[in-house]
Amino acid sequence: MLEIHAQWDDEARVWIATSEDVPGLCVQADTFEELVETAAALAPELLAANHIATTATIPLQITAQRTVLASAA
């Protein structure tokens, strides 16, 4: 399973994903769902471009992190 790390950039208001397992992967999207779709589409292309052998289907684990501030009542 290949790991992709996603993080919300509050200043830019976008999700950003990178991966040490998928060289060259750097994805930015307005929504998490869009980020997942784009990362899943690009991962096989980047693995092939980096001459990394893969199977017909590539399992991706996308872990998201977002920090928010909660206000006490």
N, C-alpha and C. Protein backbone atom coordinates (compact mmCIF):
# COMPACT_ATOMS: atom_id res chain seq x y z
N MET A 1 0.84 -1.18 0.00
CA MET A 1 0.00 0.00 0.00
C MET A 1 0.89 1.24 0.00
N LEU A 2 0.56 2.17 -0.87
CA LEU A 2 1.32 3.41 -0.96
C LEU A 2 0.63 4.49 -0.13
N GLU A 3 1.44 5.24 0.60
CA GLU A 3 0.88 6.27 1.48
C GLU A 3 0.97 7.65 0.84
N ILE A 4 -0.13 8.38 0.96
CA ILE A 4 -0.22 9.76 0.51
C ILE A 4 -0.69 10.58 1.69
N HIS A 5 -0.03 11.68 1.94
CA HIS A 5 -0.38 12.55 3.07
C HIS A 5 -1.02 13.83 2.55
N ALA A 6 -2.21 14.12 3.06
CA ALA A 6 -2.94 15.32 2.65
C ALA A 6 -3.07 16.26 3.84
N GLN A 7 -2.96 17.53 3.56
CA GLN A 7 -3.07 18.52 4.63
C GLN A 7 -3.80 19.74 4.10
N TRP A 8 -4.66 20.30 4.93
CA TRP A 8 -5.40 21.50 4.58
C TRP A 8 -4.50 22.72 4.79
N ASP A 9 -4.42 23.57 3.77
CA ASP A 9 -3.68 24.82 3.88
C ASP A 9 -4.71 25.92 4.09
N ASP A 10 -4.83 26.38 5.32
CA ASP A 10 -5.87 27.36 5.67
C ASP A 10 -5.66 28.69 4.96
N GLU A 11 -4.42 29.07 4.76
CA GLU A 11 -4.14 30.35 4.10
C GLU A 11 -4.54 30.31 2.62
N ALA A 12 -4.17 29.25 1.93
CA ALA A 12 -4.49 29.12 0.51
C ALA A 12 -5.89 28.55 0.29
N ARG A 13 -6.48 27.97 1.37
CA ARG A 13 -7.80 27.37 1.33
C ARG A 13 -7.90 26.22 0.33
N VAL A 14 -6.88 25.35 0.35
CA VAL A 14 -6.84 24.18 -0.51
C VAL A 14 -6.25 22.99 0.24
N TRP A 15 -6.56 21.80 -0.23
CA TRP A 15 -5.92 20.58 0.24
C TRP A 15 -4.66 20.38 -0.59
N ILE A 16 -3.59 19.94 0.06
CA ILE A 16 -2.33 19.65 -0.63
C ILE A 16 -1.90 18.25 -0.23
N ALA A 17 -1.51 17.45 -1.22
CA ALA A 17 -1.07 16.08 -0.95
C ALA A 17 0.30 15.83 -1.54
N THR A 18 1.12 15.10 -0.80
CA THR A 18 2.44 14.67 -1.25
C THR A 18 2.64 13.23 -0.80
N SER A 19 3.67 12.60 -1.36
CA SER A 19 3.94 11.21 -1.00
C SER A 19 5.39 10.87 -1.23
N GLU A 20 6.00 10.23 -0.25
CA GLU A 20 7.35 9.70 -0.44
C GLU A 20 7.30 8.42 -1.27
N ASP A 21 6.17 7.75 -1.27
CA ASP A 21 6.01 6.50 -2.02
C ASP A 21 5.76 6.73 -3.50
N VAL A 22 5.26 7.91 -3.85
CA VAL A 22 4.97 8.25 -5.25
C VAL A 22 5.81 9.47 -5.60
N PRO A 23 7.02 9.25 -6.12
CA PRO A 23 7.91 10.37 -6.42
C PRO A 23 7.27 11.38 -7.37
N GLY A 24 7.35 12.65 -7.00
CA GLY A 24 6.83 13.71 -7.84
C GLY A 24 5.39 14.08 -7.57
N LEU A 25 4.72 13.34 -6.69
CA LEU A 25 3.31 13.65 -6.43
C LEU A 25 3.21 14.90 -5.57
N CYS A 26 2.54 15.88 -6.10
CA CYS A 26 2.22 17.11 -5.37
C CYS A 26 0.91 17.61 -5.97
N VAL A 27 -0.18 17.40 -5.23
CA VAL A 27 -1.51 17.68 -5.74
C VAL A 27 -2.16 18.74 -4.86
N GLN A 28 -2.91 19.62 -5.50
CA GLN A 28 -3.64 20.67 -4.79
C GLN A 28 -5.08 20.65 -5.30
N ALA A 29 -6.05 20.76 -4.38
CA ALA A 29 -7.46 20.73 -4.78
C ALA A 29 -8.30 21.51 -3.77
N ASP A 30 -9.44 21.99 -4.24
CA ASP A 30 -10.35 22.75 -3.39
C ASP A 30 -11.08 21.87 -2.37
N THR A 31 -11.35 20.62 -2.74
CA THR A 31 -12.04 19.71 -1.83
C THR A 31 -11.21 18.45 -1.64
N PHE A 32 -11.47 17.76 -0.54
CA PHE A 32 -10.76 16.52 -0.27
C PHE A 32 -11.11 15.46 -1.32
N GLU A 33 -12.37 15.41 -1.72
CA GLU A 33 -12.81 14.44 -2.72
C GLU A 33 -12.08 14.66 -4.05
N GLU A 34 -11.94 15.91 -4.45
CA GLU A 34 -11.22 16.25 -5.68
C GLU A 34 -9.74 15.86 -5.55
N LEU A 35 -9.19 16.06 -4.39
CA LEU A 35 -7.80 15.69 -4.14
C LEU A 35 -7.59 14.19 -4.29
N VAL A 36 -8.51 13.41 -3.74
CA VAL A 36 -8.43 11.95 -3.83
C VAL A 36 -8.50 11.51 -5.29
N GLU A 37 -9.44 12.05 -6.04
CA GLU A 37 -9.60 11.69 -7.45
C GLU A 37 -8.34 12.02 -8.26
N THR A 38 -7.79 13.20 -8.04
CA THR A 38 -6.61 13.64 -8.79
C THR A 38 -5.39 12.81 -8.42
N ALA A 39 -5.21 12.57 -7.13
CA ALA A 39 -4.07 11.76 -6.68
C ALA A 39 -4.15 10.35 -7.23
N ALA A 40 -5.35 9.76 -7.21
CA ALA A 40 -5.54 8.40 -7.73
C ALA A 40 -5.28 8.34 -9.23
N ALA A 41 -5.60 9.39 -9.94
CA ALA A 41 -5.36 9.42 -11.39
C ALA A 41 -3.88 9.61 -11.72
N LEU A 42 -3.20 10.43 -10.92
CA LEU A 42 -1.79 10.74 -11.20
C LEU A 42 -0.81 9.69 -10.70
N ALA A 43 -1.15 9.00 -9.64
CA ALA A 43 -0.21 8.04 -9.03
C ALA A 43 0.31 7.00 -10.02
N PRO A 44 -0.53 6.33 -10.80
CA PRO A 44 0.00 5.34 -11.74
C PRO A 44 0.93 5.95 -12.80
N GLU A 45 0.59 7.15 -13.27
CA GLU A 45 1.43 7.82 -14.26
C GLU A 45 2.80 8.18 -13.69
N LEU A 46 2.81 8.67 -12.47
CA LEU A 46 4.09 9.05 -11.84
C LEU A 46 4.93 7.82 -11.52
N LEU A 47 4.29 6.75 -11.09
CA LEU A 47 5.04 5.52 -10.81
C LEU A 47 5.67 4.99 -12.09
N ALA A 48 4.92 5.01 -13.18
CA ALA A 48 5.45 4.55 -14.47
C ALA A 48 6.59 5.45 -14.94
N ALA A 49 6.42 6.76 -14.78
CA ALA A 49 7.46 7.71 -15.21
C ALA A 49 8.75 7.52 -14.41
N ASN A 50 8.61 7.04 -13.17
CA ASN A 50 9.77 6.81 -12.31
C ASN A 50 10.25 5.36 -12.37
N HIS A 51 9.71 4.60 -13.33
CA HIS A 51 10.11 3.20 -13.56
C HIS A 51 9.92 2.34 -12.31
N ILE A 52 8.80 2.57 -11.63
CA ILE A 52 8.46 1.78 -10.45
C ILE A 52 7.36 0.81 -10.88
N ALA A 53 7.65 -0.47 -10.76
CA ALA A 53 6.70 -1.50 -11.18
C ALA A 53 5.48 -1.49 -10.27
N THR A 54 4.31 -1.67 -10.87
CA THR A 54 3.08 -1.72 -10.10
C THR A 54 2.20 -2.86 -10.61
N THR A 55 1.17 -3.14 -9.86
CA THR A 55 0.18 -4.12 -10.27
C THR A 55 -0.92 -3.40 -11.05
N ALA A 56 -1.91 -4.14 -11.51
CA ALA A 56 -3.01 -3.55 -12.27
C ALA A 56 -3.79 -2.53 -11.43
N THR A 57 -3.92 -2.82 -10.15
CA THR A 57 -4.55 -1.86 -9.24
C THR A 57 -3.55 -1.49 -8.16
N ILE A 58 -3.54 -0.24 -7.80
CA ILE A 58 -2.56 0.26 -6.84
C ILE A 58 -3.31 0.73 -5.59
N PRO A 59 -3.12 0.06 -4.47
CA PRO A 59 -3.78 0.51 -3.24
C PRO A 59 -3.10 1.77 -2.70
N LEU A 60 -3.92 2.79 -2.48
CA LEU A 60 -3.43 4.06 -1.92
C LEU A 60 -4.09 4.29 -0.58
N GLN A 61 -3.30 4.69 0.38
CA GLN A 61 -3.83 5.09 1.68
C GLN A 61 -3.61 6.59 1.80
N ILE A 62 -4.71 7.34 1.77
CA ILE A 62 -4.62 8.79 1.84
C ILE A 62 -5.03 9.23 3.23
N THR A 63 -4.08 9.80 3.94
CA THR A 63 -4.30 10.25 5.31
C THR A 63 -4.40 11.77 5.30
N ALA A 64 -5.48 12.29 5.87
CA ALA A 64 -5.72 13.73 5.86
C ALA A 64 -5.52 14.32 7.24
N GLN A 65 -5.04 15.56 7.24
CA GLN A 65 -4.85 16.29 8.50
C GLN A 65 -5.35 17.71 8.30
N ARG A 66 -6.16 18.15 9.25
CA ARG A 66 -6.66 19.53 9.21
C ARG A 66 -6.76 20.03 10.65
N THR A 67 -6.19 21.16 10.91
CA THR A 67 -6.22 21.75 12.24
C THR A 67 -7.27 22.85 12.28
N VAL A 68 -8.13 22.82 13.28
CA VAL A 68 -9.14 23.85 13.45
C VAL A 68 -9.10 24.35 14.90
N LEU A 69 -9.62 25.52 15.11
CA LEU A 69 -9.71 26.08 16.46
C LEU A 69 -11.16 26.02 16.90
N ALA A 70 -11.41 25.45 18.06
CA ALA A 70 -12.75 25.38 18.61
C ALA A 70 -12.88 26.45 19.68
N SER A 71 -13.98 27.16 19.63
CA SER A 71 -14.22 28.21 20.62
C SER A 71 -15.09 27.69 21.75
N ALA A 72 -14.67 27.98 22.97
CA ALA A 72 -15.48 27.58 24.13
C ALA A 72 -16.69 28.48 24.23
N ALA A 73 -17.79 27.93 24.67
CA ALA A 73 -19.03 28.69 24.76
C ALA A 73 -19.01 29.70 25.87
